[in-house]
Amino acid sequence: MYRKRVILISDKPGVNKKIIYSPISGEVKKVSTNKNHPVFGEDLIELQLCLPWWKEMGLYLPIAGYVKDVTVGVKNFSFLRLNTWPNIDQKEGFKGSLAIILESDDGDSFGLQLVKCPLGMAGRTWVMPGDRGRVAANFGYIPFGGTVLLYLPKFYEILVLEGDKLIAGESLIAGRS
């Protein structure tokens, strides 16, 4: 039980539909703009969020909305990480193993891509297309750490910097007016 957080959404100071919360407890590894993705689209903001193996391993919805699509097995790719997080941009043709498209109540689409853990284990989720959820609802986990790639529309303002520590369901990632 120590690996799963209890997040009370009613304790939040006020849930704004235009704010993106962190889906994991970890660290911001990299923030990139003008990224293209074969599943999520073009001209996006990409955030690489890294989850160490010793942290709480849950995955939480970053927005209130619904699951638009779940793509499994885009390309199975694994790596063994010893001391540092890999630079995913250097992996030519890397597409990941699980892609989830989320849509907010406002109609904005977001992408979550789960990268396998250092031991090659993929993240586990229990969502299907059409499922609705609230902010910070637990929808899966990443065993033994890994990386989550969060893709946002280009009109969102990023509220984190590379190296910032994140708390799942509490840390603000991005927002728009």
N, C-alpha and C. Protein backbone atom coordinates (compact mmCIF):
# COMPACT_ATOMS: atom_id res chain seq x y z
N MET A 1 0.82 -1.19 0.00
CA MET A 1 0.00 0.00 0.00
C MET A 1 0.86 1.26 0.00
N TYR A 2 2.11 1.17 0.42
CA TYR A 2 2.95 2.35 0.47
C TYR A 2 3.28 2.89 -0.92
N ARG A 3 3.01 2.11 -1.97
CA ARG A 3 3.34 2.54 -3.31
C ARG A 3 2.18 3.24 -4.01
N LYS A 4 1.04 3.36 -3.35
CA LYS A 4 -0.10 4.03 -3.96
C LYS A 4 -0.53 5.20 -3.11
N ARG A 5 -0.60 6.37 -3.73
CA ARG A 5 -0.99 7.58 -3.02
C ARG A 5 -2.50 7.68 -2.95
N VAL A 6 -3.00 8.28 -1.91
CA VAL A 6 -4.40 8.61 -1.80
C VAL A 6 -4.52 10.11 -2.06
N ILE A 7 -5.15 10.46 -3.16
CA ILE A 7 -5.28 11.86 -3.54
C ILE A 7 -6.75 12.25 -3.42
N LEU A 8 -7.03 13.20 -2.57
CA LEU A 8 -8.39 13.67 -2.39
C LEU A 8 -8.59 14.91 -3.24
N ILE A 9 -9.34 14.76 -4.33
CA ILE A 9 -9.54 15.88 -5.25
C ILE A 9 -10.28 17.02 -4.56
N SER A 10 -11.08 16.70 -3.54
CA SER A 10 -11.81 17.76 -2.84
C SER A 10 -10.88 18.66 -2.03
N ASP A 11 -9.65 18.20 -1.77
CA ASP A 11 -8.68 19.02 -1.05
C ASP A 11 -8.00 20.06 -1.93
N LYS A 12 -8.17 19.96 -3.24
CA LYS A 12 -7.53 20.91 -4.14
C LYS A 12 -8.18 22.28 -3.98
N PRO A 13 -7.41 23.36 -4.11
CA PRO A 13 -7.95 24.70 -3.88
C PRO A 13 -9.01 25.11 -4.90
N GLY A 14 -9.13 24.44 -5.97
CA GLY A 14 -10.11 24.79 -7.00
C GLY A 14 -9.66 24.17 -8.30
N VAL A 15 -10.41 23.25 -8.83
CA VAL A 15 -9.99 22.54 -10.03
C VAL A 15 -10.38 23.37 -11.25
N ASN A 16 -9.38 23.78 -11.99
CA ASN A 16 -9.58 24.54 -13.21
C ASN A 16 -9.48 23.58 -14.37
N LYS A 17 -10.43 23.61 -15.27
CA LYS A 17 -10.45 22.69 -16.40
C LYS A 17 -9.32 22.96 -17.39
N LYS A 18 -8.64 24.08 -17.27
CA LYS A 18 -7.60 24.42 -18.22
C LYS A 18 -6.20 24.25 -17.65
N ILE A 19 -6.07 23.42 -16.61
CA ILE A 19 -4.77 23.15 -15.99
C ILE A 19 -4.47 21.66 -16.11
N ILE A 20 -3.22 21.36 -16.44
CA ILE A 20 -2.76 19.98 -16.55
C ILE A 20 -1.93 19.65 -15.32
N TYR A 21 -2.28 18.57 -14.63
CA TYR A 21 -1.55 18.12 -13.45
C TYR A 21 -0.59 16.99 -13.83
N SER A 22 0.38 16.73 -12.99
CA SER A 22 1.35 15.69 -13.26
C SER A 22 0.70 14.29 -13.18
N PRO A 23 0.95 13.43 -14.17
CA PRO A 23 0.41 12.08 -14.12
C PRO A 23 1.24 11.11 -13.27
N ILE A 24 2.46 11.52 -12.88
CA ILE A 24 3.33 10.64 -12.09
C ILE A 24 4.07 11.45 -11.02
N SER A 25 4.66 10.74 -10.07
CA SER A 25 5.58 11.35 -9.11
C SER A 25 6.98 11.07 -9.61
N GLY A 26 7.67 12.10 -10.02
CA GLY A 26 9.00 11.90 -10.59
C GLY A 26 9.69 13.21 -10.86
N GLU A 27 10.27 13.32 -12.06
CA GLU A 27 11.06 14.49 -12.42
C GLU A 27 10.84 14.82 -13.89
N VAL A 28 10.89 16.12 -14.20
CA VAL A 28 10.82 16.57 -15.59
C VAL A 28 12.23 16.42 -16.18
N LYS A 29 12.36 15.53 -17.16
CA LYS A 29 13.66 15.30 -17.78
C LYS A 29 13.92 16.29 -18.92
N LYS A 30 12.88 16.52 -19.75
CA LYS A 30 13.10 17.37 -20.92
C LYS A 30 11.76 17.98 -21.36
N VAL A 31 11.82 19.21 -21.84
CA VAL A 31 10.66 19.89 -22.42
C VAL A 31 11.04 20.29 -23.84
N SER A 32 10.26 19.84 -24.83
CA SER A 32 10.55 20.13 -26.24
C SER A 32 9.30 20.68 -26.91
N THR A 33 9.52 21.56 -27.88
CA THR A 33 8.40 22.11 -28.65
C THR A 33 8.50 21.66 -30.10
N ASN A 34 7.43 21.90 -30.84
CA ASN A 34 7.35 21.56 -32.27
C ASN A 34 7.65 20.08 -32.53
N LYS A 35 7.09 19.21 -31.72
CA LYS A 35 7.29 17.78 -31.88
C LYS A 35 6.16 17.17 -32.70
N ASN A 36 6.48 16.19 -33.50
CA ASN A 36 5.49 15.43 -34.25
C ASN A 36 5.45 14.02 -33.71
N HIS A 37 4.26 13.43 -33.69
CA HIS A 37 4.09 12.08 -33.17
C HIS A 37 3.16 11.33 -34.11
N PRO A 38 3.45 10.07 -34.43
CA PRO A 38 2.60 9.32 -35.38
C PRO A 38 1.18 9.06 -34.89
N VAL A 39 0.95 9.10 -33.59
CA VAL A 39 -0.38 8.85 -33.04
C VAL A 39 -1.07 10.14 -32.61
N PHE A 40 -0.34 11.05 -31.97
CA PHE A 40 -0.93 12.24 -31.35
C PHE A 40 -1.03 13.45 -32.27
N GLY A 41 -0.28 13.49 -33.35
CA GLY A 41 -0.37 14.61 -34.28
C GLY A 41 0.93 15.39 -34.41
N GLU A 42 0.80 16.61 -34.93
CA GLU A 42 1.97 17.43 -35.24
C GLU A 42 1.97 18.73 -34.44
N ASP A 43 3.16 19.31 -34.36
CA ASP A 43 3.37 20.62 -33.73
C ASP A 43 2.89 20.62 -32.27
N LEU A 44 3.42 19.69 -31.48
CA LEU A 44 3.03 19.52 -30.09
C LEU A 44 4.16 19.88 -29.15
N ILE A 45 3.84 20.07 -27.89
CA ILE A 45 4.83 20.22 -26.83
C ILE A 45 5.01 18.85 -26.19
N GLU A 46 6.26 18.39 -26.07
CA GLU A 46 6.54 17.09 -25.47
C GLU A 46 7.26 17.28 -24.14
N LEU A 47 6.74 16.64 -23.09
CA LEU A 47 7.40 16.65 -21.79
C LEU A 47 7.81 15.21 -21.47
N GLN A 48 9.09 15.01 -21.19
CA GLN A 48 9.57 13.70 -20.76
C GLN A 48 9.59 13.70 -19.24
N LEU A 49 8.73 12.88 -18.65
CA LEU A 49 8.62 12.77 -17.21
C LEU A 49 9.16 11.42 -16.78
N CYS A 50 10.16 11.43 -15.92
CA CYS A 50 10.83 10.19 -15.51
C CYS A 50 10.40 9.79 -14.11
N LEU A 51 10.13 8.51 -13.97
CA LEU A 51 9.68 7.93 -12.71
C LEU A 51 10.74 6.95 -12.20
N PRO A 52 11.44 7.28 -11.10
CA PRO A 52 12.44 6.36 -10.55
C PRO A 52 11.78 5.10 -9.99
N TRP A 53 12.52 4.03 -9.90
CA TRP A 53 11.96 2.76 -9.44
C TRP A 53 11.55 2.78 -7.98
N TRP A 54 12.12 3.68 -7.18
CA TRP A 54 11.80 3.69 -5.74
C TRP A 54 10.61 4.59 -5.41
N LYS A 55 10.09 5.34 -6.37
CA LYS A 55 8.96 6.24 -6.11
C LYS A 55 7.64 5.48 -6.23
N GLU A 56 6.59 6.15 -5.79
CA GLU A 56 5.24 5.62 -5.96
C GLU A 56 4.99 5.46 -7.46
N MET A 57 4.48 4.33 -7.89
CA MET A 57 4.47 3.97 -9.31
C MET A 57 3.15 4.22 -10.03
N GLY A 58 2.18 4.86 -9.39
CA GLY A 58 0.87 5.04 -10.00
C GLY A 58 0.84 6.04 -11.14
N LEU A 59 -0.11 5.83 -12.04
CA LEU A 59 -0.41 6.75 -13.14
C LEU A 59 -1.75 7.41 -12.83
N TYR A 60 -1.81 8.73 -12.99
CA TYR A 60 -3.00 9.48 -12.65
C TYR A 60 -3.40 10.36 -13.82
N LEU A 61 -4.70 10.55 -14.01
CA LEU A 61 -5.17 11.39 -15.10
C LEU A 61 -4.74 12.84 -14.88
N PRO A 62 -4.14 13.46 -15.88
CA PRO A 62 -3.69 14.85 -15.73
C PRO A 62 -4.82 15.87 -15.93
N ILE A 63 -5.95 15.41 -16.46
CA ILE A 63 -7.08 16.30 -16.75
C ILE A 63 -8.38 15.60 -16.41
N ALA A 64 -9.45 16.37 -16.34
CA ALA A 64 -10.79 15.79 -16.26
C ALA A 64 -11.28 15.65 -17.69
N GLY A 65 -11.71 14.47 -18.06
CA GLY A 65 -12.17 14.25 -19.42
C GLY A 65 -12.38 12.79 -19.69
N TYR A 66 -12.13 12.39 -20.93
CA TYR A 66 -12.34 10.98 -21.27
C TYR A 66 -11.20 10.46 -22.12
N VAL A 67 -11.12 9.13 -22.17
CA VAL A 67 -10.11 8.45 -22.96
C VAL A 67 -10.65 8.33 -24.38
N LYS A 68 -9.99 8.97 -25.31
CA LYS A 68 -10.43 8.97 -26.70
C LYS A 68 -9.97 7.71 -27.42
N ASP A 69 -8.73 7.28 -27.16
CA ASP A 69 -8.19 6.10 -27.83
C ASP A 69 -7.03 5.54 -27.03
N VAL A 70 -6.84 4.23 -27.13
CA VAL A 70 -5.70 3.54 -26.53
C VAL A 70 -5.06 2.69 -27.62
N THR A 71 -3.80 2.95 -27.89
CA THR A 71 -3.07 2.20 -28.91
C THR A 71 -2.00 1.38 -28.23
N VAL A 72 -2.10 0.07 -28.36
CA VAL A 72 -1.15 -0.84 -27.70
C VAL A 72 -0.21 -1.41 -28.74
N GLY A 73 1.07 -1.49 -28.38
CA GLY A 73 2.04 -2.15 -29.25
C GLY A 73 2.37 -1.38 -30.50
N VAL A 74 2.46 -0.05 -30.42
CA VAL A 74 2.85 0.74 -31.58
C VAL A 74 4.19 0.23 -32.10
N LYS A 75 5.14 0.09 -31.20
CA LYS A 75 6.42 -0.54 -31.53
C LYS A 75 7.05 -0.95 -30.21
N ASN A 76 7.28 -2.22 -30.04
CA ASN A 76 7.89 -2.69 -28.80
C ASN A 76 9.37 -2.38 -28.82
N PHE A 77 9.78 -1.59 -27.88
CA PHE A 77 11.17 -1.16 -27.79
C PHE A 77 11.55 -1.13 -26.33
N SER A 78 12.63 -1.76 -25.98
CA SER A 78 13.05 -1.72 -24.58
C SER A 78 14.52 -1.34 -24.50
N PHE A 79 14.93 -0.90 -23.35
CA PHE A 79 16.31 -0.50 -23.12
C PHE A 79 16.65 -0.83 -21.68
N LEU A 80 17.90 -0.96 -21.40
CA LEU A 80 18.35 -1.21 -20.04
C LEU A 80 19.07 0.04 -19.55
N ARG A 81 18.53 0.67 -18.52
CA ARG A 81 19.11 1.89 -17.97
C ARG A 81 19.93 1.52 -16.74
N LEU A 82 21.13 1.99 -16.69
CA LEU A 82 21.96 1.69 -15.53
C LEU A 82 22.00 2.86 -14.57
N ASN A 83 22.57 3.98 -14.96
CA ASN A 83 22.71 5.10 -14.03
C ASN A 83 21.99 6.37 -14.47
N THR A 84 21.67 6.50 -15.74
CA THR A 84 21.07 7.75 -16.21
C THR A 84 19.83 7.42 -17.04
N TRP A 85 18.97 8.43 -17.18
CA TRP A 85 17.81 8.27 -18.04
C TRP A 85 18.28 8.34 -19.48
N PRO A 86 17.74 7.52 -20.36
CA PRO A 86 18.19 7.57 -21.76
C PRO A 86 17.68 8.83 -22.44
N ASN A 87 18.40 9.27 -23.43
CA ASN A 87 17.93 10.37 -24.25
C ASN A 87 17.07 9.77 -25.35
N ILE A 88 15.77 9.88 -25.21
CA ILE A 88 14.86 9.20 -26.11
C ILE A 88 14.98 9.72 -27.53
N ASP A 89 15.35 10.98 -27.70
CA ASP A 89 15.50 11.53 -29.05
C ASP A 89 16.57 10.82 -29.85
N GLN A 90 17.52 10.19 -29.21
CA GLN A 90 18.60 9.52 -29.91
C GLN A 90 18.18 8.15 -30.44
N LYS A 91 17.05 7.65 -30.02
CA LYS A 91 16.56 6.36 -30.47
C LYS A 91 15.79 6.55 -31.76
N GLU A 92 16.42 6.23 -32.88
CA GLU A 92 15.79 6.47 -34.18
C GLU A 92 14.57 5.56 -34.36
N GLY A 93 13.48 6.13 -34.75
CA GLY A 93 12.27 5.36 -34.99
C GLY A 93 11.53 4.96 -33.73
N PHE A 94 11.90 5.50 -32.60
CA PHE A 94 11.26 5.13 -31.34
C PHE A 94 9.82 5.60 -31.32
N LYS A 95 8.90 4.69 -31.02
CA LYS A 95 7.49 5.07 -30.95
C LYS A 95 6.83 4.59 -29.66
N GLY A 96 7.50 3.80 -28.85
CA GLY A 96 6.93 3.39 -27.57
C GLY A 96 6.02 2.19 -27.67
N SER A 97 5.44 1.81 -26.55
CA SER A 97 4.63 0.60 -26.55
C SER A 97 3.17 0.82 -26.18
N LEU A 98 2.83 1.95 -25.57
CA LEU A 98 1.44 2.20 -25.21
C LEU A 98 1.16 3.69 -25.34
N ALA A 99 0.17 4.03 -26.14
CA ALA A 99 -0.20 5.43 -26.37
C ALA A 99 -1.66 5.62 -25.99
N ILE A 100 -1.93 6.65 -25.18
CA ILE A 100 -3.29 6.96 -24.73
C ILE A 100 -3.62 8.39 -25.14
N ILE A 101 -4.74 8.54 -25.85
CA ILE A 101 -5.20 9.88 -26.23
C ILE A 101 -6.32 10.27 -25.27
N LEU A 102 -6.12 11.40 -24.58
CA LEU A 102 -7.12 11.93 -23.66
C LEU A 102 -7.74 13.18 -24.25
N GLU A 103 -9.01 13.40 -23.97
CA GLU A 103 -9.66 14.63 -24.42
C GLU A 103 -10.34 15.28 -23.23
N SER A 104 -10.05 16.57 -23.04
CA SER A 104 -10.63 17.31 -21.92
C SER A 104 -12.09 17.65 -22.22
N ASP A 105 -12.79 18.10 -21.21
CA ASP A 105 -14.18 18.52 -21.39
C ASP A 105 -14.28 19.73 -22.34
N ASP A 106 -13.17 20.48 -22.48
CA ASP A 106 -13.14 21.63 -23.39
C ASP A 106 -12.86 21.23 -24.83
N GLY A 107 -12.53 19.96 -25.07
CA GLY A 107 -12.25 19.49 -26.42
C GLY A 107 -10.78 19.45 -26.79
N ASP A 108 -9.88 19.79 -25.87
CA ASP A 108 -8.44 19.72 -26.16
C ASP A 108 -7.98 18.27 -26.06
N SER A 109 -7.12 17.85 -27.00
CA SER A 109 -6.58 16.48 -26.98
C SER A 109 -5.16 16.49 -26.43
N PHE A 110 -4.86 15.46 -25.65
CA PHE A 110 -3.55 15.28 -25.04
C PHE A 110 -3.10 13.85 -25.29
N GLY A 111 -1.80 13.64 -25.33
CA GLY A 111 -1.26 12.30 -25.51
C GLY A 111 -0.38 11.90 -24.36
N LEU A 112 -0.54 10.64 -23.94
CA LEU A 112 0.34 10.04 -22.93
C LEU A 112 0.96 8.81 -23.56
N GLN A 113 2.27 8.73 -23.54
CA GLN A 113 2.97 7.56 -24.05
C GLN A 113 3.77 6.96 -22.91
N LEU A 114 3.58 5.68 -22.65
CA LEU A 114 4.27 4.99 -21.58
C LEU A 114 5.45 4.22 -22.15
N VAL A 115 6.63 4.55 -21.67
CA VAL A 115 7.86 3.89 -22.10
C VAL A 115 8.17 2.78 -21.11
N LYS A 116 8.64 1.67 -21.60
CA LYS A 116 8.93 0.53 -20.74
C LYS A 116 9.96 0.87 -19.67
N CYS A 117 9.85 0.17 -18.55
CA CYS A 117 10.78 0.37 -17.44
C CYS A 117 12.16 -0.18 -17.80
N PRO A 118 13.15 0.07 -16.98
CA PRO A 118 14.51 -0.40 -17.27
C PRO A 118 14.62 -1.91 -17.40
N LEU A 119 13.70 -2.64 -16.79
CA LEU A 119 13.73 -4.11 -16.89
C LEU A 119 12.91 -4.62 -18.06
N GLY A 120 12.35 -3.71 -18.85
CA GLY A 120 11.58 -4.10 -20.02
C GLY A 120 10.11 -4.33 -19.76
N MET A 121 9.63 -3.99 -18.56
CA MET A 121 8.22 -4.19 -18.24
C MET A 121 7.43 -2.95 -18.66
N ALA A 122 6.31 -3.19 -19.31
CA ALA A 122 5.47 -2.10 -19.78
C ALA A 122 4.52 -1.64 -18.68
N GLY A 123 4.09 -0.39 -18.77
CA GLY A 123 3.11 0.12 -17.83
C GLY A 123 1.79 -0.60 -17.99
N ARG A 124 1.02 -0.66 -16.93
CA ARG A 124 -0.29 -1.32 -16.94
C ARG A 124 -1.37 -0.27 -16.72
N THR A 125 -2.40 -0.32 -17.53
CA THR A 125 -3.53 0.59 -17.37
C THR A 125 -4.82 -0.21 -17.39
N TRP A 126 -5.87 0.39 -16.88
CA TRP A 126 -7.18 -0.25 -16.91
C TRP A 126 -8.22 0.71 -17.48
N VAL A 127 -7.85 1.39 -18.56
CA VAL A 127 -8.78 2.28 -19.23
C VAL A 127 -9.03 1.79 -20.64
N MET A 128 -10.20 2.10 -21.13
CA MET A 128 -10.61 1.76 -22.49
C MET A 128 -11.14 3.03 -23.15
N PRO A 129 -11.17 3.07 -24.48
CA PRO A 129 -11.74 4.24 -25.15
C PRO A 129 -13.19 4.48 -24.68
N GLY A 130 -13.47 5.74 -24.36
CA GLY A 130 -14.80 6.11 -23.88
C GLY A 130 -14.89 6.26 -22.38
N ASP A 131 -13.91 5.76 -21.63
CA ASP A 131 -13.92 5.90 -20.17
C ASP A 131 -13.74 7.36 -19.79
N ARG A 132 -14.51 7.80 -18.79
CA ARG A 132 -14.40 9.16 -18.27
C ARG A 132 -13.68 9.12 -16.93
N GLY A 133 -13.00 10.20 -16.61
CA GLY A 133 -12.30 10.27 -15.33
C GLY A 133 -12.16 11.69 -14.85
N ARG A 134 -11.89 11.83 -13.58
CA ARG A 134 -11.67 13.14 -12.99
C ARG A 134 -10.17 13.37 -12.86
N VAL A 135 -9.79 14.59 -12.55
CA VAL A 135 -8.38 14.91 -12.36
C VAL A 135 -7.82 14.04 -11.23
N ALA A 136 -6.65 13.51 -11.43
CA ALA A 136 -5.91 12.72 -10.45
C ALA A 136 -6.54 11.36 -10.16
N ALA A 137 -7.40 10.87 -11.05
CA ALA A 137 -7.93 9.51 -10.89
C ALA A 137 -6.85 8.52 -11.28
N ASN A 138 -6.64 7.51 -10.45
CA ASN A 138 -5.63 6.49 -10.72
C ASN A 138 -6.13 5.58 -11.84
N PHE A 139 -5.33 5.45 -12.91
CA PHE A 139 -5.75 4.60 -14.02
C PHE A 139 -4.72 3.56 -14.42
N GLY A 140 -3.66 3.42 -13.65
CA GLY A 140 -2.65 2.41 -13.95
C GLY A 140 -1.40 2.61 -13.13
N TYR A 141 -0.34 1.90 -13.54
CA TYR A 141 0.94 2.00 -12.84
C TYR A 141 2.07 1.62 -13.78
N ILE A 142 3.27 2.06 -13.42
CA ILE A 142 4.49 1.70 -14.15
C ILE A 142 5.39 0.97 -13.16
N PRO A 143 5.55 -0.34 -13.31
CA PRO A 143 6.39 -1.08 -12.36
C PRO A 143 7.87 -0.76 -12.53
N PHE A 144 8.56 -0.59 -11.43
CA PHE A 144 10.01 -0.38 -11.41
C PHE A 144 10.47 0.84 -12.19
N GLY A 145 9.67 1.88 -12.24
CA GLY A 145 10.07 3.12 -12.89
C GLY A 145 9.93 3.08 -14.39
N GLY A 146 10.20 4.21 -15.00
CA GLY A 146 10.08 4.32 -16.45
C GLY A 146 9.92 5.77 -16.84
N THR A 147 9.44 5.98 -18.05
CA THR A 147 9.27 7.32 -18.58
C THR A 147 7.87 7.48 -19.15
N VAL A 148 7.27 8.63 -18.88
CA VAL A 148 5.98 8.99 -19.47
C VAL A 148 6.23 10.21 -20.35
N LEU A 149 5.82 10.12 -21.59
CA LEU A 149 5.90 11.25 -22.50
C LEU A 149 4.51 11.87 -22.57
N LEU A 150 4.42 13.14 -22.22
CA LEU A 150 3.16 13.86 -22.22
C LEU A 150 3.18 14.84 -23.39
N TYR A 151 2.19 14.73 -24.28
CA TYR A 151 2.10 15.59 -25.45
C TYR A 151 0.93 16.54 -25.28
N LEU A 152 1.21 17.85 -25.39
CA LEU A 152 0.21 18.89 -25.19
C LEU A 152 0.08 19.74 -26.46
N PRO A 153 -1.10 20.35 -26.67
CA PRO A 153 -1.23 21.29 -27.79
C PRO A 153 -0.27 22.48 -27.60
N LYS A 154 0.15 23.07 -28.69
CA LYS A 154 1.17 24.13 -28.63
C LYS A 154 0.71 25.40 -27.94
N PHE A 155 -0.60 25.60 -27.77
CA PHE A 155 -1.08 26.83 -27.15
C PHE A 155 -1.09 26.76 -25.62
N TYR A 156 -0.62 25.66 -25.03
CA TYR A 156 -0.52 25.57 -23.57
C TYR A 156 0.78 26.20 -23.10
N GLU A 157 0.73 26.83 -21.94
CA GLU A 157 1.92 27.42 -21.32
C GLU A 157 2.49 26.42 -20.34
N ILE A 158 3.75 26.08 -20.50
CA ILE A 158 4.41 25.11 -19.64
C ILE A 158 4.79 25.79 -18.32
N LEU A 159 4.44 25.16 -17.20
CA LEU A 159 4.67 25.74 -15.88
C LEU A 159 5.81 25.07 -15.12
N VAL A 160 6.52 24.14 -15.75
CA VAL A 160 7.63 23.44 -15.11
C VAL A 160 8.91 23.64 -15.92
N LEU A 161 10.03 23.40 -15.26
CA LEU A 161 11.33 23.47 -15.92
C LEU A 161 11.98 22.09 -15.87
N GLU A 162 12.95 21.89 -16.72
CA GLU A 162 13.70 20.63 -16.69
C GLU A 162 14.37 20.48 -15.33
N GLY A 163 14.24 19.31 -14.74
CA GLY A 163 14.81 19.05 -13.43
C GLY A 163 13.85 19.23 -12.27
N ASP A 164 12.68 19.80 -12.52
CA ASP A 164 11.69 19.98 -11.45
C ASP A 164 11.16 18.64 -10.96
N LYS A 165 10.96 18.54 -9.67
CA LYS A 165 10.37 17.35 -9.06
C LYS A 165 8.85 17.46 -9.12
N LEU A 166 8.18 16.34 -9.35
CA LEU A 166 6.73 16.31 -9.51
C LEU A 166 6.08 15.40 -8.48
N ILE A 167 4.88 15.77 -8.09
CA ILE A 167 4.05 14.92 -7.24
C ILE A 167 2.78 14.62 -8.02
N ALA A 168 2.46 13.36 -8.18
CA ALA A 168 1.32 12.94 -9.00
C ALA A 168 0.03 13.59 -8.52
N GLY A 169 -0.72 14.15 -9.46
CA GLY A 169 -2.01 14.74 -9.15
C GLY A 169 -1.97 16.05 -8.40
N GLU A 170 -0.78 16.55 -8.08
CA GLU A 170 -0.66 17.81 -7.31
C GLU A 170 0.15 18.85 -8.06
N SER A 171 1.24 18.46 -8.68
CA SER A 171 2.12 19.42 -9.38
C SER A 171 1.46 19.88 -10.66
N LEU A 172 1.48 21.20 -10.88
CA LEU A 172 0.94 21.76 -12.10
C LEU A 172 1.97 21.64 -13.22
N ILE A 173 1.55 21.14 -14.37
CA ILE A 173 2.44 20.96 -15.51
C ILE A 173 2.29 22.09 -16.51
N ALA A 174 1.03 22.38 -16.88
CA ALA A 174 0.77 23.39 -17.91
C ALA A 174 -0.63 23.97 -17.71
N GLY A 175 -0.88 25.08 -18.36
CA GLY A 175 -2.19 25.70 -18.30
C GLY A 175 -2.41 26.59 -19.51
N ARG A 176 -3.64 26.99 -19.67
CA ARG A 176 -3.97 27.93 -20.76
C ARG A 176 -5.06 28.87 -20.27
N SER A 177 -5.13 30.01 -20.92
CA SER A 177 -6.14 30.99 -20.51
C SER A 177 -7.43 30.82 -21.28
